[in-house]
Amino acid sequence: MVELVAKSACAGLVPLQIGEVALTEEAPGALTSLMPWRGQEAALGAALDTAHGLALPAPGRSTGKDGARLIWFGKGQYLLIGPAPDPALAAHAALTDQSDAWAVVRLEGAGAEDVLARLVPVDLRRAGFKRGHTVRSALQHMMTSITRIGPQAFQVMVFRSMAQTLVHDLKTAMEAVAARR
């Protein structure tokens, strides 16, 4: 009989340190998609505050911190990262477990913005893209979610099936940035 072994999306691919930039895999805990029922967005926000201490973020924003974060994930969509969702949330939104669907990495260090600038058609410089800002965009040819989680740190998420491509593309950009310094 075949023995199946659970592996993370980036198992064996990271960590990487090239120049001043590091790439590591995050173990974010549960990932749950929240899509409010019609007219229930305010009630969902109140339930999230009560259950998890998180405010419903505005478009392009996130709330919370490591261990419990809520990010805007598109029109009428949010992603709860970290805790398992309180069952009371189901009265106000469709809840979908996304825990095994995403590869989640952290790109950090002086030059992280420069690395992403080579791959993403969005200006992620700190002047306009501050901590707590998030964007759904393309990274090369992959759809991604990028959230600034620190002065020189980003959380980058792609579909799990694209983990190897994500690490390859980030590594190539990290090498190019390091070569210019």
N, C-alpha and C. Protein backbone atom coordinates (compact mmCIF):
# COMPACT_ATOMS: atom_id res chain seq x y z
N MET A 1 0.83 -1.17 0.00
CA MET A 1 0.00 0.00 0.00
C MET A 1 0.88 1.24 0.00
N VAL A 2 0.47 2.26 -0.73
CA VAL A 2 1.21 3.50 -0.84
C VAL A 2 1.03 4.32 0.43
N GLU A 3 2.14 4.83 0.97
CA GLU A 3 2.10 5.70 2.14
C GLU A 3 2.15 7.14 1.66
N LEU A 4 1.13 7.90 1.92
CA LEU A 4 1.11 9.30 1.53
C LEU A 4 1.73 10.14 2.64
N VAL A 5 2.54 11.11 2.24
CA VAL A 5 3.21 11.98 3.19
C VAL A 5 2.80 13.42 2.88
N ALA A 6 2.29 14.11 3.87
CA ALA A 6 1.91 15.51 3.68
C ALA A 6 3.17 16.37 3.54
N LYS A 7 3.18 17.22 2.55
CA LYS A 7 4.29 18.14 2.34
C LYS A 7 3.73 19.54 2.16
N SER A 8 4.51 20.51 2.57
CA SER A 8 4.11 21.89 2.34
C SER A 8 4.29 22.20 0.85
N ALA A 9 3.68 23.26 0.40
CA ALA A 9 3.73 23.61 -1.02
C ALA A 9 5.15 23.88 -1.53
N CYS A 10 6.01 24.43 -0.68
CA CYS A 10 7.37 24.79 -1.09
C CYS A 10 8.43 23.88 -0.48
N ALA A 11 8.04 22.68 -0.07
CA ALA A 11 8.98 21.74 0.56
C ALA A 11 10.18 21.50 -0.36
N GLY A 12 11.37 21.71 0.19
CA GLY A 12 12.60 21.48 -0.56
C GLY A 12 13.01 22.63 -1.47
N LEU A 13 12.20 23.65 -1.58
CA LEU A 13 12.49 24.78 -2.48
C LEU A 13 13.07 25.98 -1.74
N VAL A 14 12.67 26.16 -0.51
CA VAL A 14 13.10 27.29 0.31
C VAL A 14 13.51 26.75 1.66
N PRO A 15 14.27 27.45 2.43
CA PRO A 15 14.58 28.89 2.37
C PRO A 15 15.70 29.21 1.39
N LEU A 16 15.68 30.46 0.93
CA LEU A 16 16.73 31.01 0.07
C LEU A 16 17.18 32.35 0.64
N GLN A 17 18.46 32.59 0.59
CA GLN A 17 19.03 33.90 0.96
C GLN A 17 19.96 34.28 -0.17
N ILE A 18 19.62 35.34 -0.88
CA ILE A 18 20.46 35.81 -1.99
C ILE A 18 20.65 37.31 -1.78
N GLY A 19 21.89 37.68 -1.60
CA GLY A 19 22.17 39.07 -1.27
C GLY A 19 21.52 39.42 0.05
N GLU A 20 20.78 40.50 0.07
CA GLU A 20 20.13 40.96 1.30
C GLU A 20 18.67 40.51 1.41
N VAL A 21 18.22 39.69 0.47
CA VAL A 21 16.81 39.29 0.43
C VAL A 21 16.68 37.81 0.78
N ALA A 22 15.72 37.52 1.63
CA ALA A 22 15.44 36.14 2.04
C ALA A 22 14.04 35.74 1.60
N LEU A 23 13.92 34.47 1.22
CA LEU A 23 12.63 33.90 0.84
C LEU A 23 12.40 32.68 1.72
N THR A 24 11.31 32.70 2.47
CA THR A 24 10.96 31.58 3.34
C THR A 24 9.50 31.22 3.13
N GLU A 25 9.18 29.98 3.47
CA GLU A 25 7.79 29.55 3.40
C GLU A 25 7.13 29.85 4.74
N GLU A 26 5.90 30.29 4.69
CA GLU A 26 5.14 30.56 5.90
C GLU A 26 4.17 29.39 6.13
N ALA A 27 3.93 29.10 7.37
CA ALA A 27 2.91 28.14 7.77
C ALA A 27 1.79 28.96 8.40
N PRO A 28 0.87 29.46 7.59
CA PRO A 28 -0.08 30.45 8.09
C PRO A 28 -1.21 29.89 8.95
N GLY A 29 -1.33 28.60 9.06
CA GLY A 29 -2.48 28.02 9.75
C GLY A 29 -3.63 27.87 8.77
N ALA A 30 -4.82 28.01 9.25
CA ALA A 30 -6.00 27.87 8.39
C ALA A 30 -6.12 29.06 7.44
N LEU A 31 -6.54 28.78 6.23
CA LEU A 31 -6.87 29.81 5.24
C LEU A 31 -8.34 29.60 4.89
N THR A 32 -9.17 30.59 5.17
CA THR A 32 -10.60 30.45 4.94
C THR A 32 -11.12 31.62 4.13
N SER A 33 -11.73 31.32 3.01
CA SER A 33 -12.37 32.33 2.17
C SER A 33 -13.72 32.70 2.80
N LEU A 34 -13.97 34.00 2.91
CA LEU A 34 -15.23 34.51 3.44
C LEU A 34 -15.90 35.35 2.36
N MET A 35 -17.12 34.98 2.00
CA MET A 35 -17.87 35.74 1.01
C MET A 35 -19.23 36.07 1.63
N PRO A 36 -19.41 37.34 2.04
CA PRO A 36 -20.64 37.72 2.75
C PRO A 36 -21.90 37.48 1.92
N TRP A 37 -22.93 37.02 2.63
CA TRP A 37 -24.24 36.91 1.98
C TRP A 37 -24.73 38.32 1.66
N ARG A 38 -25.63 38.44 0.72
CA ARG A 38 -26.17 39.74 0.32
C ARG A 38 -26.70 40.49 1.55
N GLY A 39 -26.20 41.70 1.72
CA GLY A 39 -26.64 42.55 2.82
C GLY A 39 -26.06 42.19 4.18
N GLN A 40 -25.11 41.28 4.22
CA GLN A 40 -24.58 40.80 5.50
C GLN A 40 -23.15 41.26 5.79
N GLU A 41 -22.62 42.15 4.99
CA GLU A 41 -21.23 42.56 5.17
C GLU A 41 -21.00 43.22 6.54
N ALA A 42 -21.86 44.11 6.94
CA ALA A 42 -21.71 44.77 8.25
C ALA A 42 -21.84 43.76 9.38
N ALA A 43 -22.78 42.84 9.26
CA ALA A 43 -22.96 41.81 10.29
C ALA A 43 -21.75 40.89 10.34
N LEU A 44 -21.18 40.58 9.18
CA LEU A 44 -19.96 39.76 9.16
C LEU A 44 -18.82 40.50 9.84
N GLY A 45 -18.69 41.80 9.58
CA GLY A 45 -17.66 42.59 10.23
C GLY A 45 -17.80 42.57 11.75
N ALA A 46 -19.02 42.69 12.24
CA ALA A 46 -19.25 42.65 13.69
C ALA A 46 -18.93 41.27 14.26
N ALA A 47 -19.31 40.22 13.54
CA ALA A 47 -19.03 38.85 13.99
C ALA A 47 -17.53 38.57 14.00
N LEU A 48 -16.81 39.08 13.00
CA LEU A 48 -15.35 38.91 12.96
C LEU A 48 -14.68 39.62 14.12
N ASP A 49 -15.17 40.81 14.43
CA ASP A 49 -14.61 41.57 15.55
C ASP A 49 -14.83 40.83 16.86
N THR A 50 -16.03 40.31 17.05
CA THR A 50 -16.36 39.58 18.27
C THR A 50 -15.56 38.28 18.38
N ALA A 51 -15.50 37.51 17.29
CA ALA A 51 -14.90 36.18 17.32
C ALA A 51 -13.37 36.20 17.26
N HIS A 52 -12.83 37.11 16.44
CA HIS A 52 -11.39 37.06 16.18
C HIS A 52 -10.66 38.38 16.44
N GLY A 53 -11.40 39.43 16.79
CA GLY A 53 -10.77 40.72 17.03
C GLY A 53 -10.25 41.36 15.77
N LEU A 54 -10.86 41.04 14.63
CA LEU A 54 -10.43 41.56 13.34
C LEU A 54 -11.51 42.41 12.72
N ALA A 55 -11.11 43.55 12.17
CA ALA A 55 -12.04 44.40 11.44
C ALA A 55 -12.06 43.97 9.98
N LEU A 56 -13.20 44.16 9.35
CA LEU A 56 -13.32 43.87 7.92
C LEU A 56 -12.51 44.91 7.16
N PRO A 57 -11.52 44.50 6.35
CA PRO A 57 -10.67 45.48 5.68
C PRO A 57 -11.35 46.13 4.48
N ALA A 58 -10.92 47.34 4.19
CA ALA A 58 -11.35 48.04 2.98
C ALA A 58 -10.68 47.39 1.78
N PRO A 59 -11.17 47.64 0.57
CA PRO A 59 -10.49 47.10 -0.61
C PRO A 59 -9.02 47.50 -0.64
N GLY A 60 -8.17 46.54 -0.96
CA GLY A 60 -6.74 46.78 -1.04
C GLY A 60 -6.05 46.86 0.31
N ARG A 61 -6.71 46.41 1.37
CA ARG A 61 -6.14 46.49 2.71
C ARG A 61 -6.24 45.15 3.43
N SER A 62 -5.51 45.06 4.53
CA SER A 62 -5.59 43.91 5.42
C SER A 62 -5.67 44.42 6.85
N THR A 63 -6.16 43.57 7.74
CA THR A 63 -6.20 43.90 9.16
C THR A 63 -5.59 42.74 9.93
N GLY A 64 -5.19 43.00 11.16
CA GLY A 64 -4.61 41.97 11.99
C GLY A 64 -3.10 41.93 11.85
N LYS A 65 -2.52 40.79 12.25
CA LYS A 65 -1.07 40.62 12.22
C LYS A 65 -0.76 39.13 12.10
N ASP A 66 0.51 38.76 12.19
CA ASP A 66 0.88 37.35 12.12
C ASP A 66 0.08 36.57 13.16
N GLY A 67 -0.45 35.45 12.76
CA GLY A 67 -1.24 34.63 13.66
C GLY A 67 -2.73 34.80 13.45
N ALA A 68 -3.16 35.98 13.04
CA ALA A 68 -4.58 36.26 12.76
C ALA A 68 -4.65 37.48 11.85
N ARG A 69 -4.83 37.24 10.57
CA ARG A 69 -4.88 38.33 9.60
C ARG A 69 -6.10 38.12 8.71
N LEU A 70 -6.70 39.22 8.29
CA LEU A 70 -7.82 39.20 7.35
C LEU A 70 -7.44 40.09 6.20
N ILE A 71 -7.41 39.55 4.98
CA ILE A 71 -7.04 40.37 3.84
C ILE A 71 -8.20 40.46 2.86
N TRP A 72 -8.29 41.62 2.23
CA TRP A 72 -9.22 41.81 1.13
C TRP A 72 -8.72 40.91 0.00
N PHE A 73 -9.60 40.13 -0.57
CA PHE A 73 -9.18 39.14 -1.56
C PHE A 73 -9.88 39.33 -2.89
N GLY A 74 -10.60 40.43 -3.03
CA GLY A 74 -11.34 40.72 -4.25
C GLY A 74 -12.71 41.27 -3.88
N LYS A 75 -13.46 41.70 -4.87
CA LYS A 75 -14.77 42.28 -4.60
C LYS A 75 -15.65 41.26 -3.88
N GLY A 76 -16.06 41.61 -2.66
CA GLY A 76 -16.92 40.74 -1.88
C GLY A 76 -16.23 39.49 -1.37
N GLN A 77 -14.90 39.51 -1.29
CA GLN A 77 -14.15 38.34 -0.83
C GLN A 77 -13.07 38.76 0.16
N TYR A 78 -12.92 37.95 1.18
CA TYR A 78 -11.88 38.17 2.20
C TYR A 78 -11.23 36.83 2.48
N LEU A 79 -10.00 36.87 2.95
CA LEU A 79 -9.30 35.64 3.33
C LEU A 79 -8.87 35.76 4.78
N LEU A 80 -9.38 34.86 5.61
CA LEU A 80 -9.01 34.78 7.02
C LEU A 80 -7.80 33.86 7.11
N ILE A 81 -6.70 34.39 7.64
CA ILE A 81 -5.44 33.64 7.71
C ILE A 81 -5.08 33.43 9.18
N GLY A 82 -4.88 32.19 9.54
CA GLY A 82 -4.44 31.87 10.90
C GLY A 82 -5.43 31.02 11.65
N PRO A 83 -6.40 31.66 12.31
CA PRO A 83 -7.32 30.87 13.14
C PRO A 83 -8.38 30.15 12.30
N ALA A 84 -8.86 29.04 12.84
CA ALA A 84 -10.04 28.40 12.24
C ALA A 84 -11.21 29.36 12.44
N PRO A 85 -12.08 29.48 11.45
CA PRO A 85 -13.17 30.45 11.58
C PRO A 85 -14.17 30.05 12.66
N ASP A 86 -14.63 31.03 13.39
CA ASP A 86 -15.68 30.80 14.38
C ASP A 86 -16.94 30.37 13.62
N PRO A 87 -17.63 29.33 14.08
CA PRO A 87 -18.84 28.86 13.39
C PRO A 87 -19.91 29.94 13.23
N ALA A 88 -19.92 30.94 14.10
CA ALA A 88 -20.92 32.01 14.01
C ALA A 88 -20.80 32.81 12.72
N LEU A 89 -19.62 32.79 12.08
CA LEU A 89 -19.43 33.54 10.84
C LEU A 89 -20.30 32.99 9.71
N ALA A 90 -20.63 31.69 9.77
CA ALA A 90 -21.41 31.06 8.70
C ALA A 90 -22.82 31.64 8.56
N ALA A 91 -23.32 32.33 9.58
CA ALA A 91 -24.63 32.97 9.48
C ALA A 91 -24.59 34.20 8.57
N HIS A 92 -23.39 34.70 8.30
CA HIS A 92 -23.25 35.95 7.55
C HIS A 92 -22.47 35.81 6.24
N ALA A 93 -21.85 34.65 6.02
CA ALA A 93 -20.99 34.50 4.84
C ALA A 93 -20.82 33.03 4.48
N ALA A 94 -20.49 32.81 3.22
CA ALA A 94 -20.07 31.48 2.79
C ALA A 94 -18.62 31.32 3.22
N LEU A 95 -18.30 30.23 3.88
CA LEU A 95 -16.95 29.94 4.36
C LEU A 95 -16.40 28.76 3.57
N THR A 96 -15.20 28.92 3.02
CA THR A 96 -14.59 27.85 2.25
C THR A 96 -13.16 27.66 2.71
N ASP A 97 -12.81 26.44 3.12
CA ASP A 97 -11.46 26.14 3.55
C ASP A 97 -10.53 26.16 2.34
N GLN A 98 -9.50 27.00 2.39
CA GLN A 98 -8.53 27.14 1.31
C GLN A 98 -7.13 26.72 1.76
N SER A 99 -7.03 26.07 2.91
CA SER A 99 -5.74 25.82 3.56
C SER A 99 -4.73 25.10 2.68
N ASP A 100 -5.18 24.14 1.88
CA ASP A 100 -4.25 23.39 1.04
C ASP A 100 -4.16 23.93 -0.37
N ALA A 101 -4.82 25.03 -0.65
CA ALA A 101 -4.89 25.55 -2.02
C ALA A 101 -3.80 26.54 -2.37
N TRP A 102 -3.10 27.07 -1.38
CA TRP A 102 -2.19 28.18 -1.62
C TRP A 102 -0.77 27.87 -1.13
N ALA A 103 0.20 28.38 -1.88
CA ALA A 103 1.59 28.44 -1.43
C ALA A 103 1.78 29.83 -0.85
N VAL A 104 2.31 29.91 0.36
CA VAL A 104 2.47 31.19 1.05
C VAL A 104 3.93 31.36 1.42
N VAL A 105 4.55 32.42 0.87
CA VAL A 105 5.96 32.70 1.16
C VAL A 105 6.11 34.11 1.69
N ARG A 106 7.24 34.31 2.35
CA ARG A 106 7.60 35.63 2.88
C ARG A 106 8.87 36.06 2.16
N LEU A 107 8.83 37.24 1.54
CA LEU A 107 9.99 37.84 0.88
C LEU A 107 10.38 39.03 1.73
N GLU A 108 11.64 39.03 2.19
CA GLU A 108 12.02 40.04 3.17
C GLU A 108 13.46 40.46 3.00
N GLY A 109 13.71 41.75 3.25
CA GLY A 109 15.05 42.28 3.26
C GLY A 109 15.17 43.51 2.38
N ALA A 110 16.32 44.19 2.55
CA ALA A 110 16.60 45.35 1.69
C ALA A 110 16.66 44.84 0.26
N GLY A 111 15.87 45.38 -0.59
CA GLY A 111 15.83 44.92 -1.98
C GLY A 111 14.60 44.10 -2.31
N ALA A 112 13.76 43.78 -1.33
CA ALA A 112 12.55 42.99 -1.60
C ALA A 112 11.63 43.73 -2.59
N GLU A 113 11.53 45.05 -2.42
CA GLU A 113 10.71 45.83 -3.36
C GLU A 113 11.28 45.73 -4.78
N ASP A 114 12.61 45.78 -4.89
CA ASP A 114 13.25 45.70 -6.20
C ASP A 114 13.03 44.34 -6.85
N VAL A 115 13.02 43.30 -6.03
CA VAL A 115 12.75 41.95 -6.56
C VAL A 115 11.35 41.90 -7.14
N LEU A 116 10.38 42.37 -6.39
CA LEU A 116 9.00 42.33 -6.87
C LEU A 116 8.78 43.27 -8.06
N ALA A 117 9.52 44.37 -8.11
CA ALA A 117 9.38 45.32 -9.23
C ALA A 117 9.72 44.65 -10.56
N ARG A 118 10.56 43.63 -10.53
CA ARG A 118 10.92 42.92 -11.75
C ARG A 118 9.84 41.94 -12.21
N LEU A 119 8.88 41.67 -11.33
CA LEU A 119 7.92 40.60 -11.61
C LEU A 119 6.45 41.03 -11.61
N VAL A 120 6.15 42.16 -10.99
CA VAL A 120 4.76 42.57 -10.76
C VAL A 120 4.50 43.92 -11.42
N PRO A 121 3.39 44.06 -12.16
CA PRO A 121 3.09 45.35 -12.81
C PRO A 121 2.40 46.35 -11.91
N VAL A 122 2.75 46.36 -10.62
CA VAL A 122 2.15 47.25 -9.64
C VAL A 122 3.28 47.91 -8.86
N ASP A 123 3.13 49.19 -8.54
CA ASP A 123 4.14 49.89 -7.75
C ASP A 123 3.97 49.51 -6.28
N LEU A 124 4.93 48.76 -5.75
CA LEU A 124 4.87 48.27 -4.38
C LEU A 124 5.82 49.02 -3.45
N ARG A 125 6.33 50.18 -3.92
CA ARG A 125 7.22 50.95 -3.05
C ARG A 125 6.47 51.44 -1.82
N ARG A 126 7.19 51.53 -0.72
CA ARG A 126 6.61 51.85 0.58
C ARG A 126 5.86 53.17 0.61
N ALA A 127 6.24 54.13 -0.22
CA ALA A 127 5.57 55.43 -0.21
C ALA A 127 4.07 55.31 -0.52
N GLY A 128 3.70 54.37 -1.38
CA GLY A 128 2.30 54.22 -1.75
C GLY A 128 1.69 52.90 -1.34
N PHE A 129 2.51 51.94 -1.01
CA PHE A 129 2.05 50.60 -0.65
C PHE A 129 2.59 50.30 0.74
N LYS A 130 1.85 50.76 1.74
CA LYS A 130 2.31 50.71 3.13
C LYS A 130 1.94 49.37 3.79
N ARG A 131 2.45 49.19 5.02
CA ARG A 131 2.10 47.99 5.79
C ARG A 131 0.58 47.89 5.87
N GLY A 132 0.07 46.69 5.62
CA GLY A 132 -1.38 46.48 5.64
C GLY A 132 -2.03 46.62 4.28
N HIS A 133 -1.30 47.10 3.29
CA HIS A 133 -1.85 47.17 1.93
C HIS A 133 -1.72 45.80 1.28
N THR A 134 -2.68 45.47 0.44
CA THR A 134 -2.67 44.19 -0.25
C THR A 134 -3.16 44.40 -1.68
N VAL A 135 -2.73 43.54 -2.57
CA VAL A 135 -3.14 43.64 -3.96
C VAL A 135 -3.25 42.25 -4.57
N ARG A 136 -4.23 42.08 -5.44
CA ARG A 136 -4.32 40.88 -6.27
C ARG A 136 -3.80 41.32 -7.64
N SER A 137 -2.82 40.63 -8.14
CA SER A 137 -2.18 41.04 -9.38
C SER A 137 -1.55 39.83 -10.05
N ALA A 138 -0.86 40.09 -11.13
CA ALA A 138 -0.07 39.05 -11.80
C ALA A 138 1.37 39.15 -11.31
N LEU A 139 1.99 38.00 -11.10
CA LEU A 139 3.42 37.91 -10.84
C LEU A 139 3.92 37.03 -11.96
N GLN A 140 4.61 37.66 -12.93
CA GLN A 140 4.89 37.01 -14.20
C GLN A 140 3.54 36.59 -14.79
N HIS A 141 3.32 35.30 -14.97
CA HIS A 141 2.06 34.83 -15.56
C HIS A 141 1.11 34.21 -14.54
N MET A 142 1.45 34.33 -13.24
CA MET A 142 0.62 33.73 -12.18
C MET A 142 -0.21 34.79 -11.48
N MET A 143 -1.43 34.45 -11.14
CA MET A 143 -2.23 35.34 -10.30
C MET A 143 -1.72 35.19 -8.87
N THR A 144 -1.60 36.33 -8.18
CA THR A 144 -1.02 36.32 -6.85
C THR A 144 -1.74 37.29 -5.93
N SER A 145 -1.52 37.10 -4.66
CA SER A 145 -1.93 38.06 -3.63
C SER A 145 -0.65 38.48 -2.93
N ILE A 146 -0.42 39.79 -2.87
CA ILE A 146 0.78 40.33 -2.21
C ILE A 146 0.32 41.29 -1.13
N THR A 147 0.82 41.08 0.08
CA THR A 147 0.48 41.93 1.22
C THR A 147 1.76 42.40 1.87
N ARG A 148 1.87 43.71 2.09
CA ARG A 148 3.04 44.21 2.83
C ARG A 148 2.79 43.94 4.31
N ILE A 149 3.70 43.20 4.93
CA ILE A 149 3.55 42.83 6.33
C ILE A 149 4.64 43.44 7.21
N GLY A 150 5.53 44.21 6.62
CA GLY A 150 6.58 44.89 7.37
C GLY A 150 7.25 45.91 6.48
N PRO A 151 8.17 46.71 7.04
CA PRO A 151 8.83 47.74 6.24
C PRO A 151 9.53 47.20 5.00
N GLN A 152 10.12 46.01 5.13
CA GLN A 152 10.81 45.37 4.01
C GLN A 152 10.36 43.92 3.86
N ALA A 153 9.09 43.65 4.15
CA ALA A 153 8.60 42.27 4.12
C ALA A 153 7.24 42.19 3.43
N PHE A 154 7.09 41.15 2.61
CA PHE A 154 5.86 40.90 1.88
C PHE A 154 5.43 39.45 2.06
N GLN A 155 4.14 39.25 2.16
CA GLN A 155 3.57 37.91 2.07
C GLN A 155 3.08 37.74 0.64
N VAL A 156 3.55 36.69 -0.01
CA VAL A 156 3.19 36.43 -1.41
C VAL A 156 2.49 35.08 -1.46
N MET A 157 1.31 35.06 -2.10
CA MET A 157 0.52 33.83 -2.20
C MET A 157 0.19 33.55 -3.66
N VAL A 158 0.40 32.30 -4.07
CA VAL A 158 -0.04 31.83 -5.39
C VAL A 158 -0.72 30.48 -5.19
N PHE A 159 -1.43 30.02 -6.20
CA PHE A 159 -2.02 28.69 -6.12
C PHE A 159 -0.91 27.67 -5.88
N ARG A 160 -1.20 26.70 -5.08
CA ARG A 160 -0.22 25.68 -4.68
C ARG A 160 0.46 25.04 -5.89
N SER A 161 -0.28 24.83 -6.95
CA SER A 161 0.29 24.18 -8.14
C SER A 161 1.38 25.02 -8.80
N MET A 162 1.47 26.30 -8.44
CA MET A 162 2.46 27.19 -9.03
C MET A 162 3.64 27.48 -8.09
N ALA A 163 3.76 26.73 -7.01
CA ALA A 163 4.80 27.00 -6.00
C ALA A 163 6.20 26.93 -6.59
N GLN A 164 6.50 25.91 -7.36
CA GLN A 164 7.85 25.78 -7.92
C GLN A 164 8.15 26.93 -8.88
N THR A 165 7.19 27.32 -9.68
CA THR A 165 7.38 28.44 -10.60
C THR A 165 7.57 29.74 -9.82
N LEU A 166 6.80 29.94 -8.77
CA LEU A 166 6.95 31.13 -7.94
C LEU A 166 8.36 31.23 -7.37
N VAL A 167 8.85 30.16 -6.78
CA VAL A 167 10.18 30.18 -6.19
C VAL A 167 11.23 30.40 -7.27
N HIS A 168 11.09 29.77 -8.42
CA HIS A 168 12.04 29.97 -9.52
C HIS A 168 12.08 31.43 -9.96
N ASP A 169 10.90 32.02 -10.16
CA ASP A 169 10.84 33.41 -10.63
C ASP A 169 11.39 34.38 -9.58
N LEU A 170 11.06 34.16 -8.32
CA LEU A 170 11.59 35.02 -7.26
C LEU A 170 13.10 34.85 -7.13
N LYS A 171 13.58 33.63 -7.22
CA LYS A 171 15.03 33.38 -7.12
C LYS A 171 15.78 34.10 -8.25
N THR A 172 15.26 34.01 -9.46
CA THR A 172 15.89 34.67 -10.61
C THR A 172 15.94 36.18 -10.39
N ALA A 173 14.85 36.76 -9.92
CA ALA A 173 14.82 38.20 -9.66
C ALA A 173 15.73 38.56 -8.49
N MET A 174 15.80 37.73 -7.47
CA MET A 174 16.68 37.98 -6.33
C MET A 174 18.15 37.99 -6.79
N GLU A 175 18.50 37.06 -7.66
CA GLU A 175 19.87 37.00 -8.19
C GLU A 175 20.20 38.25 -9.00
N ALA A 176 19.24 38.71 -9.80
CA ALA A 176 19.46 39.90 -10.61
C ALA A 176 19.63 41.14 -9.74
N VAL A 177 18.82 41.26 -8.70
CA VAL A 177 18.93 42.41 -7.80
C VAL A 177 20.27 42.35 -7.05
N ALA A 178 20.65 41.19 -6.58
CA ALA A 178 21.93 41.05 -5.85
C ALA A 178 23.10 41.36 -6.75
N ALA A 179 23.04 41.01 -8.01
CA ALA A 179 24.13 41.27 -8.94
C ALA A 179 24.33 42.77 -9.19
N ARG A 180 23.28 43.55 -9.07
CA ARG A 180 23.36 45.00 -9.30
C ARG A 180 23.89 45.77 -8.08
N ARG A 181 23.95 45.12 -6.92
CA ARG A 181 24.36 45.81 -5.69
C ARG A 181 25.83 45.68 -5.46
